[in-house]
Amino acid sequence: MTMLNGKVKWFNNAKGYGFILEDGKPDEDLFAHYSAIQMEGYKTLKAGQPVSFDIIQGPKGNHAVNISASAARSGEPAMAIETLAPLQHEHEDIHAHA
């Protein structure tokens, strides 16, 4: 089975579920339960996060399963660690002048 790609529409940590939109199908919400997320530790998703997944038929519609975070695709910006360094220095400067 080929993994599909999409983005997280929203995910509620307190309730443990949310919805994913498959790429090319913006009108079809796919139910996503925390138990279907493939990651270590606390299983959560963030709105807009790229994901890959499989689809199964559930009792009330399609469910995303085997959900995993996708690496940034070409054309999408990747988070650069270097962008955090200037913020740290600004924080230090503020406290130095206080």
PDB file of N, CA and C in Angstrom:
ATOM      1  N   MET A   1       0.844  -1.183   0.000  1.00  0.00           N
ATOM      2  CA  MET A   1       0.000   0.000   0.000  1.00  0.00           C
ATOM      3  C   MET A   1       0.891   1.249   0.000  1.00  0.00           C
ATOM      4  N   THR A   2       0.574   2.212  -0.843  1.00  0.00           N
ATOM      5  CA  THR A   2       1.343   3.448  -0.925  1.00  0.00           C
ATOM      6  C   THR A   2       0.855   4.432   0.126  1.00  0.00           C
ATOM      7  N   MET A   3       1.798   5.013   0.844  1.00  0.00           N
ATOM      8  CA  MET A   3       1.448   6.031   1.842  1.00  0.00           C
ATOM      9  C   MET A   3       0.964   7.285   1.115  1.00  0.00           C
ATOM     10  N   LEU A   4      -0.044   7.926   1.670  1.00  0.00           N
ATOM     11  CA  LEU A   4      -0.578   9.171   1.133  1.00  0.00           C
ATOM     12  C   LEU A   4       0.025  10.337   1.897  1.00  0.00           C
ATOM     13  N   ASN A   5      -0.039  11.522   1.314  1.00  0.00           N
ATOM     14  CA  ASN A   5       0.481  12.721   1.963  1.00  0.00           C
ATOM     15  C   ASN A   5      -0.637  13.720   2.179  1.00  0.00           C
ATOM     16  N   GLY A   6      -0.479  14.530   3.221  1.00  0.00           N
ATOM     17  CA  GLY A   6      -1.450  15.569   3.509  1.00  0.00           C
ATOM     18  C   GLY A   6      -0.937  16.483   4.596  1.00  0.00           C
ATOM     19  N   LYS A   7      -1.843  17.289   5.132  1.00  0.00           N
ATOM     20  CA  LYS A   7      -1.502  18.212   6.219  1.00  0.00           C
ATOM     21  C   LYS A   7      -2.560  18.119   7.306  1.00  0.00           C
ATOM     22  N   VAL A   8      -2.130  18.386   8.519  1.00  0.00           N
ATOM     23  CA  VAL A   8      -3.040  18.374   9.658  1.00  0.00           C
ATOM     24  C   VAL A   8      -3.945  19.602   9.572  1.00  0.00           C
ATOM     25  N   LYS A   9      -5.255  19.389   9.600  1.00  0.00           N
ATOM     26  CA  LYS A   9      -6.222  20.496   9.607  1.00  0.00           C
ATOM     27  C   LYS A   9      -6.274  21.088  11.010  1.00  0.00           C
ATOM     28  N   TRP A  10      -6.479  20.230  12.007  1.00  0.00           N
ATOM     29  CA  TRP A  10      -6.398  20.611  13.420  1.00  0.00           C
ATOM     30  C   TRP A  10      -6.282  19.349  14.247  1.00  0.00           C
ATOM     31  N   PHE A  11      -5.745  19.508  15.457  1.00  0.00           N
ATOM     32  CA  PHE A  11      -5.605  18.376  16.369  1.00  0.00           C
ATOM     33  C   PHE A  11      -5.758  18.890  17.789  1.00  0.00           C
ATOM     34  N   ASN A  12      -6.646  18.259  18.565  1.00  0.00           N
ATOM     35  CA  ASN A  12      -6.907  18.661  19.946  1.00  0.00           C
ATOM     36  C   ASN A  12      -6.210  17.671  20.881  1.00  0.00           C
ATOM     37  N   ASN A  13      -5.156  18.138  21.561  1.00  0.00           N
ATOM     38  CA  ASN A  13      -4.402  17.259  22.463  1.00  0.00           C
ATOM     39  C   ASN A  13      -5.260  16.734  23.605  1.00  0.00           C
ATOM     40  N   ALA A  14      -6.112  17.581  24.156  1.00  0.00           N
ATOM     41  CA  ALA A  14      -6.934  17.183  25.306  1.00  0.00           C
ATOM     42  C   ALA A  14      -7.892  16.051  24.933  1.00  0.00           C
ATOM     43  N   LYS A  15      -8.466  16.118  23.733  1.00  0.00           N
ATOM     44  CA  LYS A  15      -9.413  15.092  23.295  1.00  0.00           C
ATOM     45  C   LYS A  15      -8.727  13.925  22.593  1.00  0.00           C
ATOM     46  N   GLY A  16      -7.503  14.143  22.117  1.00  0.00           N
ATOM     47  CA  GLY A  16      -6.747  13.065  21.488  1.00  0.00           C
ATOM     48  C   GLY A  16      -7.126  12.762  20.052  1.00  0.00           C
ATOM     49  N   TYR A  17      -7.731  13.716  19.376  1.00  0.00           N
ATOM     50  CA  TYR A  17      -8.055  13.487  17.971  1.00  0.00           C
ATOM     51  C   TYR A  17      -8.086  14.799  17.203  1.00  0.00           C
ATOM     52  N   GLY A  18      -8.146  14.673  15.889  1.00  0.00           N
ATOM     53  CA  GLY A  18      -8.234  15.829  15.009  1.00  0.00           C
ATOM     54  C   GLY A  18      -8.528  15.340  13.599  1.00  0.00           C
ATOM     55  N   PHE A  19      -8.187  16.168  12.621  1.00  0.00           N
ATOM     56  CA  PHE A  19      -8.464  15.824  11.234  1.00  0.00           C
ATOM     57  C   PHE A  19      -7.292  16.183  10.342  1.00  0.00           C
ATOM     58  N   ILE A  20      -7.132  15.384   9.294  1.00  0.00           N
ATOM     59  CA  ILE A  20      -6.079  15.560   8.301  1.00  0.00           C
ATOM     60  C   ILE A  20      -6.747  15.784   6.954  1.00  0.00           C
ATOM     61  N   LEU A  21      -6.128  16.618   6.118  1.00  0.00           N
ATOM     62  CA  LEU A  21      -6.589  16.823   4.751  1.00  0.00           C
ATOM     63  C   LEU A  21      -5.574  16.190   3.810  1.00  0.00           C
ATOM     64  N   GLU A  22      -6.032  15.262   2.977  1.00  0.00           N
ATOM     65  CA  GLU A  22      -5.152  14.635   1.996  1.00  0.00           C
ATOM     66  C   GLU A  22      -4.815  15.648   0.915  1.00  0.00           C
ATOM     67  N   ASP A  23      -3.555  15.661   0.464  1.00  0.00           N
ATOM     68  CA  ASP A  23      -3.152  16.545  -0.626  1.00  0.00           C
ATOM     69  C   ASP A  23      -4.057  16.308  -1.831  1.00  0.00           C
ATOM     70  N   GLY A  24      -4.572  17.387  -2.410  1.00  0.00           N
ATOM     71  CA  GLY A  24      -5.435  17.287  -3.583  1.00  0.00           C
ATOM     72  C   GLY A  24      -6.898  17.023  -3.273  1.00  0.00           C
ATOM     73  N   LYS A  25      -7.231  16.820  -1.997  1.00  0.00           N
ATOM     74  CA  LYS A  25      -8.627  16.567  -1.600  1.00  0.00           C
ATOM     75  C   LYS A  25      -8.983  17.444  -0.396  1.00  0.00           C
ATOM     76  N   PRO A  26      -9.042  18.767  -0.592  1.00  0.00           N
ATOM     77  CA  PRO A  26      -9.259  19.685   0.538  1.00  0.00           C
ATOM     78  C   PRO A  26     -10.651  19.620   1.160  1.00  0.00           C
ATOM     79  N   ASP A  27     -11.585  18.935   0.514  1.00  0.00           N
ATOM     80  CA  ASP A  27     -12.953  18.874   1.039  1.00  0.00           C
ATOM     81  C   ASP A  27     -13.246  17.597   1.821  1.00  0.00           C
ATOM     82  N   GLU A  28     -12.253  16.711   1.949  1.00  0.00           N
ATOM     83  CA  GLU A  28     -12.479  15.435   2.636  1.00  0.00           C
ATOM     84  C   GLU A  28     -11.649  15.371   3.917  1.00  0.00           C
ATOM     85  N   ASP A  29     -12.316  15.573   5.058  1.00  0.00           N
ATOM     86  CA  ASP A  29     -11.639  15.470   6.354  1.00  0.00           C
ATOM     87  C   ASP A  29     -11.431  14.000   6.706  1.00  0.00           C
ATOM     88  N   LEU A  30     -10.214  13.668   7.122  1.00  0.00           N
ATOM     89  CA  LEU A  30      -9.900  12.313   7.561  1.00  0.00           C
ATOM     90  C   LEU A  30      -9.700  12.331   9.066  1.00  0.00           C
ATOM     91  N   PHE A  31     -10.470  11.543   9.786  1.00  0.00           N
ATOM     92  CA  PHE A  31     -10.365  11.470  11.236  1.00  0.00           C
ATOM     93  C   PHE A  31      -8.986  10.941  11.613  1.00  0.00           C
ATOM     94  N   ALA A  32      -8.355  11.571  12.606  1.00  0.00           N
ATOM     95  CA  ALA A  32      -7.031  11.149  13.075  1.00  0.00           C
ATOM     96  C   ALA A  32      -7.055  11.011  14.593  1.00  0.00           C
ATOM     97  N   HIS A  33      -6.891   9.790  15.096  1.00  0.00           N
ATOM     98  CA  HIS A  33      -6.858   9.527  16.535  1.00  0.00           C
ATOM     99  C   HIS A  33      -5.409   9.415  16.974  1.00  0.00           C
ATOM    100  N   TYR A  34      -5.118   9.868  18.199  1.00  0.00           N
ATOM    101  CA  TYR A  34      -3.732   9.861  18.674  1.00  0.00           C
ATOM    102  C   TYR A  34      -3.102   8.468  18.624  1.00  0.00           C
ATOM    103  N   SER A  35      -3.907   7.428  18.790  1.00  0.00           N
ATOM    104  CA  SER A  35      -3.365   6.062  18.787  1.00  0.00           C
ATOM    105  C   SER A  35      -2.847   5.642  17.409  1.00  0.00           C
ATOM    106  N   ALA A  36      -3.216   6.385  16.353  1.00  0.00           N
ATOM    107  CA  ALA A  36      -2.765   6.069  14.995  1.00  0.00           C
ATOM    108  C   ALA A  36      -1.489   6.815  14.620  1.00  0.00           C
ATOM    109  N   ILE A  37      -0.974   7.659  15.538  1.00  0.00           N
ATOM    110  CA  ILE A  37       0.238   8.438  15.268  1.00  0.00           C
ATOM    111  C   ILE A  37       1.458   7.585  15.584  1.00  0.00           C
ATOM    112  N   GLN A  38       2.378   7.509  14.626  1.00  0.00           N
ATOM    113  CA  GLN A  38       3.596   6.714  14.783  1.00  0.00           C
ATOM    114  C   GLN A  38       4.742   7.626  15.211  1.00  0.00           C
ATOM    115  N   MET A  39       4.942   7.770  16.513  1.00  0.00           N
ATOM    116  CA  MET A  39       6.074   8.540  17.033  1.00  0.00           C
ATOM    117  C   MET A  39       6.346   8.098  18.456  1.00  0.00           C
ATOM    118  N   GLU A  40       7.556   8.375  18.916  1.00  0.00           N
ATOM    119  CA  GLU A  40       7.939   8.040  20.282  1.00  0.00           C
ATOM    120  C   GLU A  40       7.390   9.090  21.239  1.00  0.00           C
ATOM    121  N   GLY A  41       7.156   8.716  22.468  1.00  0.00           N
ATOM    122  CA  GLY A  41       6.740   9.674  23.492  1.00  0.00           C
ATOM    123  C   GLY A  41       5.315  10.162  23.297  1.00  0.00           C
ATOM    124  N   TYR A  42       5.100  11.432  23.630  1.00  0.00           N
ATOM    125  CA  TYR A  42       3.778  12.052  23.572  1.00  0.00           C
ATOM    126  C   TYR A  42       3.337  12.186  22.120  1.00  0.00           C
ATOM    127  N   LYS A  43       2.222  11.591  21.772  1.00  0.00           N
ATOM    128  CA  LYS A  43       1.741  11.572  20.391  1.00  0.00           C
ATOM    129  C   LYS A  43       0.827  12.758  20.143  1.00  0.00           C
ATOM    130  N   THR A  44       1.290  13.675  19.302  1.00  0.00           N
ATOM    131  CA  THR A  44       0.514  14.864  18.991  1.00  0.00           C
ATOM    132  C   THR A  44       0.822  15.324  17.577  1.00  0.00           C
ATOM    133  N   LEU A  45      -0.043  16.156  17.032  1.00  0.00           N
ATOM    134  CA  LEU A  45       0.143  16.754  15.717  1.00  0.00           C
ATOM    135  C   LEU A  45      -0.143  18.243  15.830  1.00  0.00           C
ATOM    136  N   LYS A  46       0.417  19.024  14.907  1.00  0.00           N
ATOM    137  CA  LYS A  46       0.191  20.468  14.897  1.00  0.00           C
ATOM    138  C   LYS A  46      -0.511  20.863  13.596  1.00  0.00           C
ATOM    139  N   ALA A  47      -1.402  21.831  13.679  1.00  0.00           N
ATOM    140  CA  ALA A  47      -2.107  22.315  12.492  1.00  0.00           C
ATOM    141  C   ALA A  47      -1.094  22.740  11.434  1.00  0.00           C
ATOM    142  N   GLY A  48      -1.321  22.319  10.199  1.00  0.00           N
ATOM    143  CA  GLY A  48      -0.438  22.661   9.094  1.00  0.00           C
ATOM    144  C   GLY A  48       0.745  21.721   8.916  1.00  0.00           C
ATOM    145  N   GLN A  49       0.955  20.814   9.863  1.00  0.00           N
ATOM    146  CA  GLN A  49       2.090  19.893   9.807  1.00  0.00           C
ATOM    147  C   GLN A  49       1.924  18.898   8.655  1.00  0.00           C
ATOM    148  N   PRO A  50       2.952  18.745   7.794  1.00  0.00           N
ATOM    149  CA  PRO A  50       2.875  17.729   6.744  1.00  0.00           C
ATOM    150  C   PRO A  50       2.970  16.328   7.351  1.00  0.00           C
ATOM    151  N   VAL A  51       2.130  15.424   6.883  1.00  0.00           N
ATOM    152  CA  VAL A  51       2.116  14.054   7.392  1.00  0.00           C
ATOM    153  C   VAL A  51       1.949  13.068   6.237  1.00  0.00           C
ATOM    154  N   SER A  52       2.343  11.822   6.491  1.00  0.00           N
ATOM    155  CA  SER A  52       2.041  10.726   5.573  1.00  0.00           C
ATOM    156  C   SER A  52       1.201   9.721   6.355  1.00  0.00           C
ATOM    157  N   PHE A  53       0.360   8.970   5.648  1.00  0.00           N
ATOM    158  CA  PHE A  53      -0.610   8.116   6.333  1.00  0.00           C
ATOM    159  C   PHE A  53      -1.245   7.135   5.364  1.00  0.00           C
ATOM    160  N   ASP A  54      -1.954   6.173   5.914  1.00  0.00           N
ATOM    161  CA  ASP A  54      -2.818   5.262   5.162  1.00  0.00           C
ATOM    162  C   ASP A  54      -4.255   5.616   5.532  1.00  0.00           C
ATOM    163  N   ILE A  55      -5.208   5.143   4.742  1.00  0.00           N
ATOM    164  CA  ILE A  55      -6.630   5.387   5.022  1.00  0.00           C
ATOM    165  C   ILE A  55      -7.347   4.050   5.189  1.00  0.00           C
ATOM    166  N   ILE A  56      -8.194   3.980   6.222  1.00  0.00           N
ATOM    167  CA  ILE A  56      -9.088   2.830   6.387  1.00  0.00           C
ATOM    168  C   ILE A  56     -10.518   3.353   6.509  1.00  0.00           C
ATOM    169  N   GLN A  57     -11.474   2.500   6.205  1.00  0.00           N
ATOM    170  CA  GLN A  57     -12.887   2.862   6.358  1.00  0.00           C
ATOM    171  C   GLN A  57     -13.296   2.615   7.799  1.00  0.00           C
ATOM    172  N   GLY A  58     -13.753   3.674   8.469  1.00  0.00           N
ATOM    173  CA  GLY A  58     -14.228   3.554   9.840  1.00  0.00           C
ATOM    174  C   GLY A  58     -15.745   3.536   9.869  1.00  0.00           C
ATOM    175  N   PRO A  59     -16.346   3.400  11.051  1.00  0.00           N
ATOM    176  CA  PRO A  59     -17.810   3.340  11.152  1.00  0.00           C
ATOM    177  C   PRO A  59     -18.508   4.633  10.719  1.00  0.00           C
ATOM    178  N   LYS A  60     -17.798   5.768  10.804  1.00  0.00           N
ATOM    179  CA  LYS A  60     -18.418   7.052  10.439  1.00  0.00           C
ATOM    180  C   LYS A  60     -17.663   7.761   9.320  1.00  0.00           C
ATOM    181  N   GLY A  61     -16.877   7.028   8.547  1.00  0.00           N
ATOM    182  CA  GLY A  61     -16.126   7.643   7.457  1.00  0.00           C
ATOM    183  C   GLY A  61     -14.681   7.182   7.467  1.00  0.00           C
ATOM    184  N   ASN A  62     -13.880   7.823   6.622  1.00  0.00           N
ATOM    185  CA  ASN A  62     -12.485   7.429   6.496  1.00  0.00           C
ATOM    186  C   ASN A  62     -11.642   7.900   7.672  1.00  0.00           C
ATOM    187  N   HIS A  63     -10.699   7.039   8.071  1.00  0.00           N
ATOM    188  CA  HIS A  63      -9.767   7.344   9.158  1.00  0.00           C
ATOM    189  C   HIS A  63      -8.348   7.314   8.611  1.00  0.00           C
ATOM    190  N   ALA A  64      -7.527   8.248   9.061  1.00  0.00           N
ATOM    191  CA  ALA A  64      -6.096   8.200   8.760  1.00  0.00           C
ATOM    192  C   ALA A  64      -5.444   7.293   9.801  1.00  0.00           C
ATOM    193  N   VAL A  65      -4.592   6.377   9.361  1.00  0.00           N
ATOM    194  CA  VAL A  65      -3.874   5.475  10.262  1.00  0.00           C
ATOM    195  C   VAL A  65      -2.402   5.441   9.850  1.00  0.00           C
ATOM    196  N   ASN A  66      -1.556   4.884  10.713  1.00  0.00           N
ATOM    197  CA  ASN A  66      -0.109   4.849  10.452  1.00  0.00           C
ATOM    198  C   ASN A  66       0.408   6.248  10.131  1.00  0.00           C
ATOM    199  N   ILE A  67      -0.042   7.233  10.908  1.00  0.00           N
ATOM    200  CA  ILE A  67       0.293   8.637  10.663  1.00  0.00           C
ATOM    201  C   ILE A  67       1.714   8.913  11.126  1.00  0.00           C
ATOM    202  N   SER A  68       2.511   9.522  10.248  1.00  0.00           N
ATOM    203  CA  SER A  68       3.855   9.931  10.645  1.00  0.00           C
ATOM    204  C   SER A  68       4.158  11.302  10.062  1.00  0.00           C
ATOM    205  N   ALA A  69       4.964  12.062  10.794  1.00  0.00           N
ATOM    206  CA  ALA A  69       5.355  13.392  10.332  1.00  0.00           C
ATOM    207  C   ALA A  69       6.215  13.235   9.092  1.00  0.00           C
ATOM    208  N   SER A  70       5.956  14.049   8.078  1.00  0.00           N
ATOM    209  CA  SER A  70       6.743  14.018   6.849  1.00  0.00           C
ATOM    210  C   SER A  70       7.861  15.031   6.955  1.00  0.00           C
ATOM    211  N   ALA A  71       8.969  14.743   6.293  1.00  0.00           N
ATOM    212  CA  ALA A  71      10.041  15.735   6.191  1.00  0.00           C
ATOM    213  C   ALA A  71       9.518  16.860   5.311  1.00  0.00           C
ATOM    214  N   ALA A  72      10.081  18.047   5.472  1.00  0.00           N
ATOM    215  CA  ALA A  72       9.647  19.182   4.652  1.00  0.00           C
ATOM    216  C   ALA A  72       9.827  18.831   3.181  1.00  0.00           C
ATOM    217  N   ARG A  73       8.815  19.076   2.393  1.00  0.00           N
ATOM    218  CA  ARG A  73       8.885  18.780   0.966  1.00  0.00           C
ATOM    219  C   ARG A  73       9.565  19.934   0.249  1.00  0.00           C
ATOM    220  N   SER A  74      10.047  19.676  -0.954  1.00  0.00           N
ATOM    221  CA  SER A  74      10.691  20.745  -1.711  1.00  0.00           C
ATOM    222  C   SER A  74       9.686  21.872  -1.906  1.00  0.00           C
ATOM    223  N   GLY A  75      10.154  23.086  -1.755  1.00  0.00           N
ATOM    224  CA  GLY A  75       9.273  24.235  -1.866  1.00  0.00           C
ATOM    225  C   GLY A  75       8.698  24.673  -0.542  1.00  0.00           C
ATOM    226  N   GLU A  76       8.884  23.865   0.508  1.00  0.00           N
ATOM    227  CA  GLU A  76       8.414  24.239   1.839  1.00  0.00           C
ATOM    228  C   GLU A  76       9.625  24.559   2.702  1.00  0.00           C
ATOM    229  N   PRO A  77       9.578  25.647   3.462  1.00  0.00           N
ATOM    230  CA  PRO A  77      10.736  26.002   4.288  1.00  0.00           C
ATOM    231  C   PRO A  77      10.953  25.000   5.411  1.00  0.00           C
ATOM    232  N   ALA A  78      12.203  24.699   5.653  1.00  0.00           N
ATOM    233  CA  ALA A  78      12.561  23.839   6.781  1.00  0.00           C
ATOM    234  C   ALA A  78      12.984  24.742   7.931  1.00  0.00           C
ATOM    235  N   MET A  79      12.746  24.319   9.153  1.00  0.00           N
ATOM    236  CA  MET A  79      13.123  25.104  10.321  1.00  0.00           C
ATOM    237  C   MET A  79      14.639  25.087  10.456  1.00  0.00           C
ATOM    238  N   ALA A  80      15.249  26.249  10.485  1.00  0.00           N
ATOM    239  CA  ALA A  80      16.697  26.344  10.635  1.00  0.00           C
ATOM    240  C   ALA A  80      17.035  26.677  12.077  1.00  0.00           C
ATOM    241  N   ILE A  81      17.944  25.925  12.653  1.00  0.00           N
ATOM    242  CA  ILE A  81      18.342  26.158  14.043  1.00  0.00           C
ATOM    243  C   ILE A  81      19.009  27.524  14.179  1.00  0.00           C
ATOM    244  N   GLU A  82      19.705  27.968  13.127  1.00  0.00           N
ATOM    245  CA  GLU A  82      20.409  29.251  13.191  1.00  0.00           C
ATOM    246  C   GLU A  82      19.462  30.414  13.481  1.00  0.00           C
ATOM    247  N   THR A  83      18.195  30.295  13.106  1.00  0.00           N
ATOM    248  CA  THR A  83      17.258  31.398  13.318  1.00  0.00           C
ATOM    249  C   THR A  83      16.966  31.612  14.798  1.00  0.00           C
ATOM    250  N   LEU A  84      17.262  30.639  15.633  1.00  0.00           N
ATOM    251  CA  LEU A  84      17.005  30.772  17.061  1.00  0.00           C
ATOM    252  C   LEU A  84      18.109  31.552  17.772  1.00  0.00           C
ATOM    253  N   ALA A  85      19.322  31.533  17.246  1.00  0.00           N
ATOM    254  CA  ALA A  85      20.457  32.172  17.911  1.00  0.00           C
ATOM    255  C   ALA A  85      20.258  33.676  18.123  1.00  0.00           C
ATOM    256  N   PRO A  86      19.823  34.459  17.130  1.00  0.00           N
ATOM    257  CA  PRO A  86      19.638  35.900  17.374  1.00  0.00           C
ATOM    258  C   PRO A  86      18.621  36.183  18.475  1.00  0.00           C
ATOM    259  N   LEU A  87      17.605  35.373  18.594  1.00  0.00           N
ATOM    260  CA  LEU A  87      16.607  35.581  19.637  1.00  0.00           C
ATOM    261  C   LEU A  87      17.223  35.400  21.021  1.00  0.00           C
ATOM    262  N   GLN A  88      18.114  34.446  21.166  1.00  0.00           N
ATOM    263  CA  GLN A  88      18.780  34.216  22.440  1.00  0.00           C
ATOM    264  C   GLN A  88      19.620  35.434  22.816  1.00  0.00           C
ATOM    265  N   HIS A  89      20.350  36.002  21.856  1.00  0.00           N
ATOM    266  CA  HIS A  89      21.197  37.158  22.142  1.00  0.00           C
ATOM    267  C   HIS A  89      20.362  38.379  22.524  1.00  0.00           C
ATOM    268  N   GLU A  90      19.240  38.596  21.860  1.00  0.00           N
ATOM    269  CA  GLU A  90      18.362  39.710  22.217  1.00  0.00           C
ATOM    270  C   GLU A  90      17.866  39.552  23.645  1.00  0.00           C
ATOM    271  N   HIS A  91      17.517  38.340  24.021  1.00  0.00           N
ATOM    272  CA  HIS A  91      17.033  38.057  25.370  1.00  0.00           C
ATOM    273  C   HIS A  91      18.122  38.392  26.391  1.00  0.00           C
ATOM    274  N   GLU A  92      19.360  38.021  26.099  1.00  0.00           N
ATOM    275  CA  GLU A  92      20.466  38.300  27.016  1.00  0.00           C
ATOM    276  C   GLU A  92      20.705  39.802  27.131  1.00  0.00           C
ATOM    277  N   ASP A  93      20.621  40.534  26.008  1.00  0.00           N
ATOM    278  CA  ASP A  93      20.849  41.977  26.019  1.00  0.00           C
ATOM    279  C   ASP A  93      19.807  42.696  26.866  1.00  0.00           C
ATOM    280  N   ILE A  94      18.574  42.266  26.799  1.00  0.00           N
ATOM    281  CA  ILE A  94      17.506  42.895  27.577  1.00  0.00           C
ATOM    282  C   ILE A  94      17.799  42.776  29.065  1.00  0.00           C
ATOM    283  N   HIS A  95      18.223  41.600  29.500  1.00  0.00           N
ATOM    284  CA  HIS A  95      18.496  41.386  30.918  1.00  0.00           C
ATOM    285  C   HIS A  95      19.780  42.077  31.367  1.00  0.00           C
ATOM    286  N   ALA A  96      20.712  42.297  30.471  1.00  0.00           N
ATOM    287  CA  ALA A  96      21.967  42.959  30.825  1.00  0.00           C
ATOM    288  C   ALA A  96      21.729  44.433  31.142  1.00  0.00           C
ATOM    289  N   HIS A  97      20.722  45.035  30.520  1.00  0.00           N
ATOM    290  CA  HIS A  97      20.438  46.459  30.714  1.00  0.00           C
ATOM    291  C   HIS A  97      19.377  46.711  31.772  1.00  0.00           C
ATOM    292  N   ALA A  98      18.850  45.692  32.353  1.00  0.00           N
ATOM    293  CA  ALA A  98      17.769  45.868  33.332  1.00  0.00           C
ATOM    294  C   ALA A  98      18.292  46.320  34.675  1.00  0.00           C
TER     295      ALA A  98
END
